[in-house]
PDB file of N, CA and C in Angstrom:
ATOM      1  N   GLY A   1     107.521 119.895 117.213  1.00  0.00           N
ATOM      2  CA  GLY A   1     107.027 120.461 115.996  1.00  0.00           C
ATOM      3  C   GLY A   1     105.536 120.769 116.093  1.00  0.00           C
ATOM      4  N   TRP A   2     105.061 121.413 115.073  1.00  0.00           N
ATOM      5  CA  TRP A   2     103.641 121.737 114.986  1.00  0.00           C
ATOM      6  C   TRP A   2     102.839 120.463 114.811  1.00  0.00           C
ATOM      7  N   VAL A   3     101.632 120.424 115.364  1.00  0.00           N
ATOM      8  CA  VAL A   3     100.775 119.241 115.317  1.00  0.00           C
ATOM      9  C   VAL A   3      99.560 119.529 114.441  1.00  0.00           C
ATOM     10  N   PHE A   4      99.320 118.629 113.481  1.00  0.00           N
ATOM     11  CA  PHE A   4      98.172 118.747 112.583  1.00  0.00           C
ATOM     12  C   PHE A   4      97.277 117.533 112.750  1.00  0.00           C
ATOM     13  N   SER A   5      95.980 117.729 112.581  1.00  0.00           N
ATOM     14  CA  SER A   5      95.035 116.612 112.632  1.00  0.00           C
ATOM     15  C   SER A   5      95.099 115.868 111.296  1.00  0.00           C
ATOM     16  N   THR A   6      94.424 114.739 111.224  1.00  0.00           N
ATOM     17  CA  THR A   6      94.442 113.947 110.000  1.00  0.00           C
ATOM     18  C   THR A   6      93.762 114.646 108.829  1.00  0.00           C
ATOM     19  N   ASP A   7      92.955 115.675 109.102  1.00  0.00           N
ATOM     20  CA  ASP A   7      92.346 116.433 108.000  1.00  0.00           C
ATOM     21  C   ASP A   7      93.134 117.708 107.690  1.00  0.00           C
ATOM     22  N   GLY A   8      94.325 117.854 108.271  1.00  0.00           N
ATOM     23  CA  GLY A   8      95.216 118.957 107.933  1.00  0.00           C
ATOM     24  C   GLY A   8      95.080 120.216 108.755  1.00  0.00           C
ATOM     25  N   LYS A   9      94.196 120.217 109.733  1.00  0.00           N
ATOM     26  CA  LYS A   9      94.023 121.421 110.556  1.00  0.00           C
ATOM     27  C   LYS A   9      95.148 121.518 111.588  1.00  0.00           C
ATOM     28  N   LEU A  10      95.637 122.737 111.773  1.00  0.00           N
ATOM     29  CA  LEU A  10      96.671 122.973 112.777  1.00  0.00           C
ATOM     30  C   LEU A  10      96.044 122.866 114.155  1.00  0.00           C
ATOM     31  N   VAL A  11      96.531 121.935 114.955  1.00  0.00           N
ATOM     32  CA  VAL A  11      95.952 121.654 116.262  1.00  0.00           C
ATOM     33  C   VAL A  11      96.734 122.348 117.375  1.00  0.00           C
ATOM     34  N   ASP A  12      98.066 122.285 117.286  1.00  0.00           N
ATOM     35  CA  ASP A  12      98.856 122.845 118.375  1.00  0.00           C
ATOM     36  C   ASP A  12     100.228 123.272 117.871  1.00  0.00           C
ATOM     37  N   VAL A  13     100.778 124.272 118.534  1.00  0.00           N
ATOM     38  CA  VAL A  13     102.109 124.786 118.234  1.00  0.00           C
ATOM     39  C   VAL A  13     102.849 124.877 119.557  1.00  0.00           C
ATOM     40  N   PRO A  14     104.023 124.253 119.651  1.00  0.00           N
ATOM     41  CA  PRO A  14     104.773 124.339 120.898  1.00  0.00           C
ATOM     42  C   PRO A  14     105.078 125.802 121.261  1.00  0.00           C
ATOM     43  N   LEU A  15     104.954 126.120 122.502  1.00  0.00           N
ATOM     44  CA  LEU A  15     105.235 127.459 123.029  1.00  0.00           C
ATOM     45  C   LEU A  15     104.412 128.549 122.337  1.00  0.00           C
ATOM     46  N   ARG A  16     103.211 128.179 121.910  1.00  0.00           N
ATOM     47  CA  ARG A  16     102.346 129.118 121.185  1.00  0.00           C
ATOM     48  C   ARG A  16     102.127 130.409 121.967  1.00  0.00           C
ATOM     49  N   GLU A  17     101.792 130.298 123.240  1.00  0.00           N
ATOM     50  CA  GLU A  17     101.506 131.485 124.038  1.00  0.00           C
ATOM     51  C   GLU A  17     102.760 132.324 124.257  1.00  0.00           C
ATOM     52  N   LYS A  18     103.882 131.663 124.510  1.00  0.00           N
ATOM     53  CA  LYS A  18     105.120 132.381 124.803  1.00  0.00           C
ATOM     54  C   LYS A  18     105.719 133.029 123.541  1.00  0.00           C
ATOM     55  N   CYS A  19     105.753 132.286 122.450  1.00  0.00           N
ATOM     56  CA  CYS A  19     106.398 132.789 121.233  1.00  0.00           C
ATOM     57  C   CYS A  19     105.482 133.652 120.376  1.00  0.00           C
ATOM     58  N   TYR A  20     104.203 133.330 120.374  1.00  0.00           N
ATOM     59  CA  TYR A  20     103.271 134.033 119.492  1.00  0.00           C
ATOM     60  C   TYR A  20     102.238 134.841 120.275  1.00  0.00           C
ATOM     61  N   HIS A  21     102.413 134.894 121.579  1.00  0.00           N
ATOM     62  CA  HIS A  21     101.512 135.652 122.467  1.00  0.00           C
ATOM     63  C   HIS A  21     100.056 135.255 122.244  1.00  0.00           C
ATOM     64  N   ASP A  22      99.858 133.996 121.883  1.00  0.00           N
ATOM     65  CA  ASP A  22      98.532 133.413 121.645  1.00  0.00           C
ATOM     66  C   ASP A  22      97.746 134.175 120.566  1.00  0.00           C
ATOM     67  N   GLU A  23      98.497 134.811 119.634  1.00  0.00           N
ATOM     68  CA  GLU A  23      97.866 135.560 118.550  1.00  0.00           C
ATOM     69  C   GLU A  23      97.980 134.822 117.210  1.00  0.00           C
ATOM     70  N   LEU A  24      98.411 133.599 117.259  1.00  0.00           N
ATOM     71  CA  LEU A  24      98.595 132.809 116.040  1.00  0.00           C
ATOM     72  C   LEU A  24      97.238 132.365 115.493  1.00  0.00           C
ATOM     73  N   ASP A  25      96.956 132.672 114.248  1.00  0.00           N
ATOM     74  CA  ASP A  25      95.694 132.284 113.618  1.00  0.00           C
ATOM     75  C   ASP A  25      95.847 130.865 113.067  1.00  0.00           C
ATOM     76  N   ARG A  26      95.492 129.882 113.869  1.00  0.00           N
ATOM     77  CA  ARG A  26      95.682 128.485 113.485  1.00  0.00           C
ATOM     78  C   ARG A  26      94.882 128.106 112.247  1.00  0.00           C
ATOM     79  N   ASP A  27      93.691 128.664 112.075  1.00  0.00           N
ATOM     80  CA  ASP A  27      92.866 128.322 110.909  1.00  0.00           C
ATOM     81  C   ASP A  27      93.554 128.683 109.597  1.00  0.00           C
ATOM     82  N   SER A  28      94.282 129.794 109.570  1.00  0.00           N
ATOM     83  CA  SER A  28      94.942 130.215 108.332  1.00  0.00           C
ATOM     84  C   SER A  28      96.221 129.422 108.051  1.00  0.00           C
ATOM     85  N   LEU A  29      96.674 128.632 109.009  1.00  0.00           N
ATOM     86  CA  LEU A  29      97.921 127.892 108.858  1.00  0.00           C
ATOM     87  C   LEU A  29      97.711 126.385 108.680  1.00  0.00           C
ATOM     88  N   SER A  30      96.499 125.989 108.379  1.00  0.00           N
ATOM     89  CA  SER A  30      96.233 124.569 108.131  1.00  0.00           C
ATOM     90  C   SER A  30      96.923 124.132 106.844  1.00  0.00           C
ATOM     91  N   LEU A  31      97.150 122.831 106.707  1.00  0.00           N
ATOM     92  CA  LEU A  31      97.799 122.301 105.511  1.00  0.00           C
ATOM     93  C   LEU A  31      96.881 122.431 104.307  1.00  0.00           C
ATOM     94  N   LYS A  32      97.461 122.665 103.163  1.00  0.00           N
ATOM     95  CA  LYS A  32      96.706 122.798 101.922  1.00  0.00           C
ATOM     96  C   LYS A  32      96.585 121.427 101.247  1.00  0.00           C
ATOM     97  N   THR A  33      95.479 121.207 100.561  1.00  0.00           N
ATOM     98  CA  THR A  33      95.294 119.989  99.784  1.00  0.00           C
ATOM     99  C   THR A  33      95.979 120.175  98.436  1.00  0.00           C
ATOM    100  N   ILE A  34      96.730 119.184  98.004  1.00  0.00           N
ATOM    101  CA  ILE A  34      97.405 119.266  96.713  1.00  0.00           C
ATOM    102  C   ILE A  34      97.074 118.052  95.862  1.00  0.00           C
ATOM    103  N   ARG A  35      97.259 118.189  94.569  1.00  0.00           N
ATOM    104  CA  ARG A  35      97.124 117.049  93.658  1.00  0.00           C
ATOM    105  C   ARG A  35      98.332 116.145  93.839  1.00  0.00           C
ATOM    106  N   VAL A  36      98.075 114.859  93.868  1.00  0.00           N
ATOM    107  CA  VAL A  36      99.159 113.888  94.004  1.00  0.00           C
ATOM    108  C   VAL A  36      98.987 112.833  92.927  1.00  0.00           C
ATOM    109  N   GLU A  37     100.068 112.556  92.213  1.00  0.00           N
ATOM    110  CA  GLU A  37     100.087 111.492  91.218  1.00  0.00           C
ATOM    111  C   GLU A  37     101.407 110.756  91.372  1.00  0.00           C
ATOM    112  N   SER A  38     101.437 109.512  90.912  1.00  0.00           N
ATOM    113  CA  SER A  38     102.685 108.755  90.979  1.00  0.00           C
ATOM    114  C   SER A  38     103.052 108.233  89.597  1.00  0.00           C
ATOM    115  N   TYR A  39     104.345 108.029  89.406  1.00  0.00           N
ATOM    116  CA  TYR A  39     104.862 107.496  88.157  1.00  0.00           C
ATOM    117  C   TYR A  39     106.051 106.621  88.496  1.00  0.00           C
ATOM    118  N   ARG A  40     105.940 105.339  88.137  1.00  0.00           N
ATOM    119  CA  ARG A  40     107.026 104.380  88.384  1.00  0.00           C
ATOM    120  C   ARG A  40     107.465 104.358  89.848  1.00  0.00           C
ATOM    121  N   GLY A  41     106.523 104.536  90.749  1.00  0.00           N
ATOM    122  CA  GLY A  41     106.834 104.474  92.170  1.00  0.00           C
ATOM    123  C   GLY A  41     107.266 105.799  92.782  1.00  0.00           C
ATOM    124  N   PHE A  42     107.493 106.801  91.959  1.00  0.00           N
ATOM    125  CA  PHE A  42     107.830 108.128  92.455  1.00  0.00           C
ATOM    126  C   PHE A  42     106.530 108.890  92.689  1.00  0.00           C
ATOM    127  N   VAL A  43     106.446 109.579  93.801  1.00  0.00           N
ATOM    128  CA  VAL A  43     105.231 110.325  94.135  1.00  0.00           C
ATOM    129  C   VAL A  43     105.512 111.810  93.930  1.00  0.00           C
ATOM    130  N   PHE A  44     104.630 112.454  93.173  1.00  0.00           N
ATOM    131  CA  PHE A  44     104.765 113.870  92.853  1.00  0.00           C
ATOM    132  C   PHE A  44     103.564 114.629  93.405  1.00  0.00           C
ATOM    133  N   GLY A  45     103.786 115.844  93.866  1.00  0.00           N
ATOM    134  CA  GLY A  45     102.710 116.695  94.333  1.00  0.00           C
ATOM    135  C   GLY A  45     102.714 117.994  93.550  1.00  0.00           C
ATOM    136  N   CYS A  46     101.515 118.570  93.360  1.00  0.00           N
ATOM    137  CA  CYS A  46     101.392 119.797  92.588  1.00  0.00           C
ATOM    138  C   CYS A  46     100.398 120.738  93.262  1.00  0.00           C
ATOM    139  N   PHE A  47     100.816 121.970  93.519  1.00  0.00           N
ATOM    140  CA  PHE A  47      99.942 122.970  94.124  1.00  0.00           C
ATOM    141  C   PHE A  47      99.052 123.673  93.103  1.00  0.00           C
ATOM    142  N   ASP A  48      99.415 123.599  91.824  1.00  0.00           N
ATOM    143  CA  ASP A  48      98.696 124.313  90.765  1.00  0.00           C
ATOM    144  C   ASP A  48      97.562 123.453  90.222  1.00  0.00           C
ATOM    145  N   GLU A  49      96.322 123.829  90.536  1.00  0.00           N
ATOM    146  CA  GLU A  49      95.159 123.049  90.097  1.00  0.00           C
ATOM    147  C   GLU A  49      94.966 123.097  88.585  1.00  0.00           C
ATOM    148  N   THR A  50      95.566 124.079  87.912  1.00  0.00           N
ATOM    149  CA  THR A  50      95.399 124.219  86.464  1.00  0.00           C
ATOM    150  C   THR A  50      96.530 123.553  85.672  1.00  0.00           C
ATOM    151  N   ALA A  51      97.495 122.989  86.368  1.00  0.00           N
ATOM    152  CA  ALA A  51      98.635 122.350  85.691  1.00  0.00           C
ATOM    153  C   ALA A  51      98.163 121.095  84.955  1.00  0.00           C
ATOM    154  N   PRO A  52      98.884 120.714  83.900  1.00  0.00           N
ATOM    155  CA  PRO A  52      98.525 119.481  83.185  1.00  0.00           C
ATOM    156  C   PRO A  52      98.762 118.264  84.068  1.00  0.00           C
ATOM    157  N   SER A  53      98.273 117.123  83.630  1.00  0.00           N
ATOM    158  CA  SER A  53      98.511 115.887  84.378  1.00  0.00           C
ATOM    159  C   SER A  53     100.014 115.624  84.456  1.00  0.00           C
ATOM    160  N   LEU A  54     100.427 114.818  85.401  1.00  0.00           N
ATOM    161  CA  LEU A  54     101.842 114.494  85.552  1.00  0.00           C
ATOM    162  C   LEU A  54     102.382 113.859  84.276  1.00  0.00           C
ATOM    163  N   GLU A  55     101.639 112.920  83.704  1.00  0.00           N
ATOM    164  CA  GLU A  55     102.100 112.242  82.492  1.00  0.00           C
ATOM    165  C   GLU A  55     102.297 113.242  81.350  1.00  0.00           C
ATOM    166  N   ASP A  56     101.360 114.180  81.194  1.00  0.00           N
ATOM    167  CA  ASP A  56     101.520 115.208  80.161  1.00  0.00           C
ATOM    168  C   ASP A  56     102.707 116.109  80.469  1.00  0.00           C
ATOM    169  N   PHE A  57     102.874 116.462  81.739  1.00  0.00           N
ATOM    170  CA  PHE A  57     103.988 117.317  82.137  1.00  0.00           C
ATOM    171  C   PHE A  57     105.332 116.639  81.860  1.00  0.00           C
ATOM    172  N   LEU A  58     105.421 115.348  82.168  1.00  0.00           N
ATOM    173  CA  LEU A  58     106.677 114.621  81.944  1.00  0.00           C
ATOM    174  C   LEU A  58     107.000 114.516  80.461  1.00  0.00           C
ATOM    175  N   GLY A  59     105.960 114.324  79.643  1.00  0.00           N
ATOM    176  CA  GLY A  59     106.178 114.223  78.197  1.00  0.00           C
ATOM    177  C   GLY A  59     107.236 113.175  77.874  1.00  0.00           C
ATOM    178  N   ASP A  60     108.157 113.535  76.992  1.00  0.00           N
ATOM    179  CA  ASP A  60     109.219 112.608  76.575  1.00  0.00           C
ATOM    180  C   ASP A  60     110.170 112.257  77.704  1.00  0.00           C
ATOM    181  N   TRP A  61     110.206 113.082  78.757  1.00  0.00           N
ATOM    182  CA  TRP A  61     111.104 112.806  79.876  1.00  0.00           C
ATOM    183  C   TRP A  61     110.690 111.540  80.618  1.00  0.00           C
ATOM    184  N   GLY A  62     109.402 111.153  80.498  1.00  0.00           N
ATOM    185  CA  GLY A  62     108.953 109.900  81.094  1.00  0.00           C
ATOM    186  C   GLY A  62     109.753 108.717  80.582  1.00  0.00           C
ATOM    187  N   TRP A  63     110.219 108.795  79.349  1.00  0.00           N
ATOM    188  CA  TRP A  63     111.027 107.718  78.768  1.00  0.00           C
ATOM    189  C   TRP A  63     112.287 107.490  79.597  1.00  0.00           C
ATOM    190  N   TYR A  64     112.899 108.554  80.085  1.00  0.00           N
ATOM    191  CA  TYR A  64     114.115 108.425  80.888  1.00  0.00           C
ATOM    192  C   TYR A  64     113.816 107.717  82.205  1.00  0.00           C
ATOM    193  N   LEU A  65     112.687 108.059  82.821  1.00  0.00           N
ATOM    194  CA  LEU A  65     112.300 107.352  84.051  1.00  0.00           C
ATOM    195  C   LEU A  65     112.014 105.882  83.757  1.00  0.00           C
ATOM    196  N   ASP A  66     111.319 105.623  82.647  1.00  0.00           N
ATOM    197  CA  ASP A  66     111.031 104.243  82.260  1.00  0.00           C
ATOM    198  C   ASP A  66     112.322 103.462  82.075  1.00  0.00           C
ATOM    199  N   THR A  67     113.262 104.031  81.350  1.00  0.00           N
ATOM    200  CA  THR A  67     114.540 103.366  81.068  1.00  0.00           C
ATOM    201  C   THR A  67     115.322 103.133  82.344  1.00  0.00           C
ATOM    202  N   TRP A  68     115.314 104.108  83.225  1.00  0.00           N
ATOM    203  CA  TRP A  68     116.057 104.021  84.482  1.00  0.00           C
ATOM    204  C   TRP A  68     115.487 102.922  85.377  1.00  0.00           C
ATOM    205  N   MET A  69     114.164 102.770  85.342  1.00  0.00           N
ATOM    206  CA  MET A  69     113.513 101.831  86.241  1.00  0.00           C
ATOM    207  C   MET A  69     113.307 100.440  85.632  1.00  0.00           C
ATOM    208  N   VAL A  70     113.685 100.221  84.365  1.00  0.00           N
ATOM    209  CA  VAL A  70     113.516  98.908  83.734  1.00  0.00           C
ATOM    210  C   VAL A  70     114.223  97.851  84.577  1.00  0.00           C
ATOM    211  N   GLY A  71     113.527  96.811  84.863  1.00  0.00           N
ATOM    212  CA  GLY A  71     114.107  95.711  85.629  1.00  0.00           C
ATOM    213  C   GLY A  71     114.074  95.917  87.125  1.00  0.00           C
ATOM    214  N   ALA A  72     113.754  97.102  87.563  1.00  0.00           N
ATOM    215  CA  ALA A  72     113.734  97.356  89.004  1.00  0.00           C
ATOM    216  C   ALA A  72     112.539  96.681  89.650  1.00  0.00           C
ATOM    217  N   GLY A  73     111.426  96.601  88.924  1.00  0.00           N
ATOM    218  CA  GLY A  73     110.238  95.946  89.467  1.00  0.00           C
ATOM    219  C   GLY A  73     109.652  96.699  90.642  1.00  0.00           C
ATOM    220  N   GLU A  74     108.597  96.118  91.191  1.00  0.00           N
ATOM    221  CA  GLU A  74     107.897  96.748  92.310  1.00  0.00           C
ATOM    222  C   GLU A  74     108.721  96.749  93.591  1.00  0.00           C
ATOM    223  N   GLY A  75     109.647  95.804  93.728  1.00  0.00           N
ATOM    224  CA  GLY A  75     110.393  95.685  94.976  1.00  0.00           C
ATOM    225  C   GLY A  75     111.725  96.413  94.972  1.00  0.00           C
ATOM    226  N   ALA A  76     111.895  97.375  94.079  1.00  0.00           N
ATOM    227  CA  ALA A  76     113.167  98.095  93.989  1.00  0.00           C
ATOM    228  C   ALA A  76     113.435  98.863  95.277  1.00  0.00           C
ATOM    229  N   GLU A  77     114.679  98.845  95.663  1.00  0.00           N
ATOM    230  CA  GLU A  77     115.079  99.585  96.857  1.00  0.00           C
ATOM    231  C   GLU A  77     116.264 100.453  96.495  1.00  0.00           C
ATOM    232  N   LEU A  78     116.131 101.743  96.719  1.00  0.00           N
ATOM    233  CA  LEU A  78     117.229 102.654  96.473  1.00  0.00           C
ATOM    234  C   LEU A  78     118.078 102.727  97.731  1.00  0.00           C
ATOM    235  N   VAL A  79     119.380 102.630  97.567  1.00  0.00           N
ATOM    236  CA  VAL A  79     120.281 102.689  98.713  1.00  0.00           C
ATOM    237  C   VAL A  79     121.214 103.879  98.552  1.00  0.00           C
ATOM    238  N   GLY A  80     121.752 104.301  99.651  1.00  0.00           N
ATOM    239  CA  GLY A  80     122.646 105.439  99.622  1.00  0.00           C
ATOM    240  C   GLY A  80     121.931 106.680 100.119  1.00  0.00           C
ATOM    241  N   PRO A  81     122.654 107.774 100.182  1.00  0.00           N
ATOM    242  CA  PRO A  81     122.043 109.009 100.688  1.00  0.00           C
ATOM    243  C   PRO A  81     120.995 109.521  99.698  1.00  0.00           C
ATOM    244  N   PRO A  82     120.009 110.242 100.188  1.00  0.00           N
ATOM    245  CA  PRO A  82     118.989 110.773  99.283  1.00  0.00           C
ATOM    246  C   PRO A  82     119.585 111.833  98.359  1.00  0.00           C
ATOM    247  N   MET A  83     119.038 111.892  97.171  1.00  0.00           N
ATOM    248  CA  MET A  83     119.432 112.914  96.214  1.00  0.00           C
ATOM    249  C   MET A  83     118.304 113.939  96.183  1.00  0.00           C
ATOM    250  N   LYS A  84     118.597 115.171  96.487  1.00  0.00           N
ATOM    251  CA  LYS A  84     117.557 116.201  96.536  1.00  0.00           C
ATOM    252  C   LYS A  84     117.852 117.266  95.494  1.00  0.00           C
ATOM    253  N   SER A  85     116.783 117.700  94.847  1.00  0.00           N
ATOM    254  CA  SER A  85     116.886 118.779  93.868  1.00  0.00           C
ATOM    255  C   SER A  85     115.707 119.708  94.051  1.00  0.00           C
ATOM    256  N   ILE A  86     115.937 120.971  93.862  1.00  0.00           N
ATOM    257  CA  ILE A  86     114.852 121.940  93.865  1.00  0.00           C
ATOM    258  C   ILE A  86     114.742 122.460  92.445  1.00  0.00           C
ATOM    259  N   LEU A  87     113.594 122.197  91.833  1.00  0.00           N
ATOM    260  CA  LEU A  87     113.368 122.597  90.452  1.00  0.00           C
ATOM    261  C   LEU A  87     112.192 123.556  90.403  1.00  0.00           C
ATOM    262  N   LYS A  88     112.282 124.562  89.585  1.00  0.00           N
ATOM    263  CA  LYS A  88     111.182 125.510  89.439  1.00  0.00           C
ATOM    264  C   LYS A  88     110.258 124.964  88.353  1.00  0.00           C
ATOM    265  N   CYS A  89     109.195 124.273  88.780  1.00  0.00           N
ATOM    266  CA  CYS A  89     108.245 123.688  87.836  1.00  0.00           C
ATOM    267  C   CYS A  89     106.937 123.391  88.562  1.00  0.00           C
ATOM    268  N   ASN A  90     105.943 122.896  87.823  1.00  0.00           N
ATOM    269  CA  ASN A  90     104.629 122.650  88.410  1.00  0.00           C
ATOM    270  C   ASN A  90     104.559 121.367  89.228  1.00  0.00           C
ATOM    271  N   TRP A  91     105.322 120.371  88.879  1.00  0.00           N
ATOM    272  CA  TRP A  91     105.262 119.091  89.586  1.00  0.00           C
ATOM    273  C   TRP A  91     106.541 118.877  90.340  1.00  0.00           C
TER     274      TRP A  91
END
């Protein structure tokens, strides 16, 4: 896979010369910095710098996360296959 430094800069791409004829602009492909907030142990990222805070975005829906996580405590462990969803939203 592609290799990034700890500050997000693209350092190396496998087969860069062969596949991209050494014309790949590594500076333009560095990782972007995003806002990160957590709620009840869930980590959320947001690319939109103008979006409201996570807590404001969740609004009343935070109650559902609170209810779901009641009693789970800090040491909660989720088991089973991951559940993935793609939602069109800011967070």
